[in-house]
Amino acid sequence: MQRIIQVLWPSFIAAGVMDIVLFTLLDPVALIYQDAPLFTTRLGAYSLGFFLFWLFGTVSSALTCYFQCSTAQLNKICKSSEPKN
């Protein structure tokens, strides 16, 4: 549980900051693709942006945790996940 919190909490904070910075500089309703707006409401754009930023931050934090593991720790994890005969 602690490892999950170590991954999700920093990525949540980073997503919030990135969302604030991006949408301070950019109006999501002004984004147009093929003569049609990408978003009809600002709230939808803010929500989608936040969850995408959170996903990217989560992947980044999870990979950081994964690459911090030593080979002995990784071998222990792999052995514990193998089915017992």
N, C-alpha and C. Protein backbone atom coordinates (compact mmCIF):
# COMPACT_ATOMS: atom_id res chain seq x y z
N MET A 1 0.82 -1.20 0.00
CA MET A 1 0.00 0.00 0.00
C MET A 1 0.87 1.26 0.00
N GLN A 2 1.97 1.20 0.75
CA GLN A 2 2.84 2.37 0.82
C GLN A 2 3.45 2.67 -0.55
N ARG A 3 3.81 1.64 -1.31
CA ARG A 3 4.39 1.84 -2.64
C ARG A 3 3.38 2.51 -3.57
N ILE A 4 2.12 2.12 -3.46
CA ILE A 4 1.08 2.73 -4.29
C ILE A 4 0.93 4.21 -3.97
N ILE A 5 0.95 4.53 -2.68
CA ILE A 5 0.84 5.93 -2.27
C ILE A 5 2.06 6.72 -2.74
N GLN A 6 3.24 6.09 -2.69
CA GLN A 6 4.46 6.76 -3.15
C GLN A 6 4.41 7.06 -4.64
N VAL A 7 3.66 6.30 -5.38
CA VAL A 7 3.54 6.53 -6.82
C VAL A 7 2.42 7.52 -7.12
N LEU A 8 1.25 7.33 -6.51
CA LEU A 8 0.08 8.14 -6.87
C LEU A 8 0.10 9.56 -6.32
N TRP A 9 0.60 9.76 -5.11
CA TRP A 9 0.54 11.10 -4.52
C TRP A 9 1.40 12.12 -5.27
N PRO A 10 2.68 11.85 -5.56
CA PRO A 10 3.45 12.85 -6.30
C PRO A 10 2.90 13.09 -7.70
N SER A 11 2.40 12.04 -8.34
CA SER A 11 1.85 12.23 -9.68
C SER A 11 0.57 13.05 -9.63
N PHE A 12 -0.21 12.94 -8.56
CA PHE A 12 -1.42 13.74 -8.39
C PHE A 12 -1.06 15.22 -8.25
N ILE A 13 -0.06 15.51 -7.41
CA ILE A 13 0.38 16.89 -7.21
C ILE A 13 0.93 17.46 -8.52
N ALA A 14 1.75 16.69 -9.22
CA ALA A 14 2.32 17.16 -10.49
C ALA A 14 1.23 17.40 -11.52
N ALA A 15 0.22 16.53 -11.57
CA ALA A 15 -0.88 16.71 -12.52
C ALA A 15 -1.65 17.99 -12.22
N GLY A 16 -1.87 18.27 -10.95
CA GLY A 16 -2.56 19.50 -10.59
C GLY A 16 -1.79 20.73 -11.02
N VAL A 17 -0.49 20.73 -10.78
CA VAL A 17 0.34 21.87 -11.17
C VAL A 17 0.39 22.02 -12.69
N MET A 18 0.58 20.91 -13.41
CA MET A 18 0.62 20.99 -14.87
C MET A 18 -0.71 21.46 -15.44
N ASP A 19 -1.81 21.02 -14.85
CA ASP A 19 -3.13 21.44 -15.30
C ASP A 19 -3.31 22.94 -15.11
N ILE A 20 -2.90 23.45 -13.96
CA ILE A 20 -3.02 24.88 -13.68
C ILE A 20 -2.18 25.68 -14.67
N VAL A 21 -0.95 25.26 -14.89
CA VAL A 21 -0.06 26.00 -15.79
C VAL A 21 -0.59 25.97 -17.22
N LEU A 22 -0.99 24.79 -17.70
CA LEU A 22 -1.45 24.68 -19.08
C LEU A 22 -2.70 25.52 -19.33
N PHE A 23 -3.68 25.38 -18.47
CA PHE A 23 -4.95 26.06 -18.73
C PHE A 23 -4.95 27.51 -18.28
N THR A 24 -3.88 27.96 -17.63
CA THR A 24 -3.70 29.39 -17.41
C THR A 24 -3.25 30.04 -18.71
N LEU A 25 -2.47 29.32 -19.49
CA LEU A 25 -1.93 29.85 -20.74
C LEU A 25 -2.82 29.57 -21.95
N LEU A 26 -3.74 28.63 -21.84
CA LEU A 26 -4.50 28.16 -22.99
C LEU A 26 -5.98 28.03 -22.65
N ASP A 27 -6.82 28.53 -23.53
CA ASP A 27 -8.26 28.36 -23.36
C ASP A 27 -8.69 27.11 -24.13
N PRO A 28 -9.16 26.07 -23.47
CA PRO A 28 -9.48 24.82 -24.16
C PRO A 28 -10.62 24.94 -25.17
N VAL A 29 -11.52 25.89 -24.96
CA VAL A 29 -12.63 26.06 -25.90
C VAL A 29 -12.13 26.65 -27.22
N ALA A 30 -10.99 27.32 -27.20
CA ALA A 30 -10.44 27.94 -28.41
C ALA A 30 -9.71 26.93 -29.30
N LEU A 31 -9.50 25.71 -28.82
CA LEU A 31 -8.83 24.70 -29.63
C LEU A 31 -9.79 24.19 -30.71
N ILE A 32 -9.35 24.27 -31.95
CA ILE A 32 -10.20 23.89 -33.08
C ILE A 32 -9.45 22.87 -33.92
N TYR A 33 -10.16 21.80 -34.31
CA TYR A 33 -9.62 20.79 -35.20
C TYR A 33 -10.61 20.56 -36.32
N GLN A 34 -10.21 20.77 -37.54
CA GLN A 34 -11.06 20.64 -38.73
C GLN A 34 -12.35 21.44 -38.58
N ASP A 35 -12.21 22.70 -38.26
CA ASP A 35 -13.33 23.65 -38.14
C ASP A 35 -14.36 23.28 -37.08
N ALA A 36 -13.99 22.46 -36.13
CA ALA A 36 -14.89 22.11 -35.03
C ALA A 36 -14.11 22.20 -33.72
N PRO A 37 -14.74 22.71 -32.67
CA PRO A 37 -14.03 22.79 -31.39
C PRO A 37 -13.77 21.39 -30.82
N LEU A 38 -12.60 21.22 -30.22
CA LEU A 38 -12.27 19.93 -29.61
C LEU A 38 -13.10 19.67 -28.36
N PHE A 39 -13.38 20.73 -27.60
CA PHE A 39 -14.13 20.61 -26.36
C PHE A 39 -15.30 21.57 -26.38
N THR A 40 -16.44 21.11 -25.92
CA THR A 40 -17.60 21.99 -25.85
C THR A 40 -17.66 22.73 -24.53
N THR A 41 -17.10 22.15 -23.49
CA THR A 41 -17.08 22.81 -22.18
C THR A 41 -15.65 22.86 -21.64
N ARG A 42 -15.39 23.87 -20.87
CA ARG A 42 -14.06 23.99 -20.25
C ARG A 42 -13.86 22.90 -19.19
N LEU A 43 -14.91 22.58 -18.45
CA LEU A 43 -14.79 21.58 -17.39
C LEU A 43 -14.36 20.22 -17.95
N GLY A 44 -14.91 19.85 -19.09
CA GLY A 44 -14.51 18.59 -19.72
C GLY A 44 -13.05 18.59 -20.13
N ALA A 45 -12.59 19.71 -20.66
CA ALA A 45 -11.19 19.83 -21.06
C ALA A 45 -10.27 19.80 -19.84
N TYR A 46 -10.67 20.50 -18.78
CA TYR A 46 -9.86 20.51 -17.56
C TYR A 46 -9.77 19.10 -16.97
N SER A 47 -10.89 18.39 -16.96
CA SER A 47 -10.91 17.03 -16.39
C SER A 47 -10.05 16.08 -17.22
N LEU A 48 -10.22 16.13 -18.54
CA LEU A 48 -9.43 15.26 -19.40
C LEU A 48 -7.95 15.57 -19.28
N GLY A 49 -7.60 16.85 -19.28
CA GLY A 49 -6.20 17.24 -19.12
C GLY A 49 -5.62 16.76 -17.81
N PHE A 50 -6.38 16.93 -16.72
CA PHE A 50 -5.89 16.50 -15.41
C PHE A 50 -5.65 15.00 -15.38
N PHE A 51 -6.59 14.21 -15.87
CA PHE A 51 -6.43 12.76 -15.81
C PHE A 51 -5.31 12.27 -16.74
N LEU A 52 -5.12 12.92 -17.88
CA LEU A 52 -3.99 12.55 -18.74
C LEU A 52 -2.66 12.89 -18.07
N PHE A 53 -2.58 14.08 -17.47
CA PHE A 53 -1.36 14.45 -16.75
C PHE A 53 -1.11 13.50 -15.59
N TRP A 54 -2.18 13.10 -14.91
CA TRP A 54 -2.04 12.17 -13.78
C TRP A 54 -1.55 10.81 -14.28
N LEU A 55 -2.06 10.36 -15.41
CA LEU A 55 -1.61 9.09 -15.99
C LEU A 55 -0.13 9.15 -16.33
N PHE A 56 0.30 10.22 -16.99
CA PHE A 56 1.72 10.36 -17.35
C PHE A 56 2.60 10.41 -16.10
N GLY A 57 2.16 11.13 -15.09
CA GLY A 57 2.92 11.21 -13.84
C GLY A 57 2.98 9.88 -13.12
N THR A 58 1.88 9.13 -13.15
CA THR A 58 1.85 7.81 -12.52
C THR A 58 2.81 6.85 -13.21
N VAL A 59 2.80 6.85 -14.53
CA VAL A 59 3.72 5.99 -15.27
C VAL A 59 5.17 6.37 -14.96
N SER A 60 5.45 7.65 -14.93
CA SER A 60 6.80 8.11 -14.63
C SER A 60 7.23 7.70 -13.22
N SER A 61 6.36 7.90 -12.24
CA SER A 61 6.69 7.53 -10.85
C SER A 61 6.84 6.02 -10.69
N ALA A 62 5.98 5.26 -11.36
CA ALA A 62 6.05 3.80 -11.27
C ALA A 62 7.35 3.28 -11.89
N LEU A 63 7.73 3.85 -13.02
CA LEU A 63 8.99 3.43 -13.63
C LEU A 63 10.19 3.80 -12.76
N THR A 64 10.12 4.95 -12.11
CA THR A 64 11.19 5.34 -11.19
C THR A 64 11.31 4.34 -10.05
N CYS A 65 10.18 3.94 -9.47
CA CYS A 65 10.20 2.94 -8.39
C CYS A 65 10.73 1.60 -8.89
N TYR A 66 10.33 1.23 -10.10
CA TYR A 66 10.77 -0.04 -10.67
C TYR A 66 12.28 -0.05 -10.89
N PHE A 67 12.81 1.03 -11.45
CA PHE A 67 14.23 1.08 -11.75
C PHE A 67 15.10 1.29 -10.51
N GLN A 68 14.51 1.65 -9.39
CA GLN A 68 15.26 1.76 -8.15
C GLN A 68 15.49 0.41 -7.49
N CYS A 69 14.74 -0.59 -7.89
CA CYS A 69 14.88 -1.92 -7.30
C CYS A 69 16.20 -2.56 -7.74
N SER A 70 16.82 -3.28 -6.83
CA SER A 70 18.04 -4.02 -7.18
C SER A 70 17.64 -5.32 -7.88
N THR A 71 18.61 -5.98 -8.46
CA THR A 71 18.31 -7.24 -9.14
C THR A 71 17.84 -8.30 -8.15
N ALA A 72 18.38 -8.27 -6.94
CA ALA A 72 17.94 -9.24 -5.92
C ALA A 72 16.47 -9.03 -5.57
N GLN A 73 16.05 -7.77 -5.45
CA GLN A 73 14.64 -7.49 -5.16
C GLN A 73 13.76 -7.91 -6.32
N LEU A 74 14.20 -7.66 -7.55
CA LEU A 74 13.40 -8.06 -8.71
C LEU A 74 13.29 -9.57 -8.82
N ASN A 75 14.37 -10.29 -8.55
CA ASN A 75 14.32 -11.75 -8.57
C ASN A 75 13.39 -12.29 -7.50
N LYS A 76 13.38 -11.65 -6.34
CA LYS A 76 12.48 -12.07 -5.26
C LYS A 76 11.03 -11.86 -5.67
N ILE A 77 10.73 -10.75 -6.32
CA ILE A 77 9.37 -10.47 -6.79
C ILE A 77 8.95 -11.49 -7.83
N CYS A 78 9.85 -11.81 -8.77
CA CYS A 78 9.52 -12.77 -9.83
C CYS A 78 9.30 -14.17 -9.27
N LYS A 79 10.11 -14.57 -8.29
CA LYS A 79 9.95 -15.90 -7.70
C LYS A 79 8.65 -16.01 -6.91
N SER A 80 8.24 -14.93 -6.26
CA SER A 80 7.02 -14.99 -5.47
C SER A 80 5.77 -15.00 -6.35
N SER A 81 5.90 -14.55 -7.60
CA SER A 81 4.73 -14.53 -8.48
C SER A 81 4.60 -15.80 -9.31
N GLU A 82 5.61 -16.68 -9.26
CA GLU A 82 5.53 -17.94 -10.01
C GLU A 82 4.55 -18.88 -9.33
N PRO A 83 3.79 -19.66 -10.12
CA PRO A 83 2.84 -20.60 -9.51
C PRO A 83 3.59 -21.74 -8.82
N LYS A 84 3.05 -22.16 -7.69
CA LYS A 84 3.63 -23.28 -6.92
C LYS A 84 3.07 -24.59 -7.44
N ASN A 85 3.96 -25.59 -7.59
CA ASN A 85 3.51 -26.91 -8.07
C ASN A 85 3.22 -27.82 -6.92
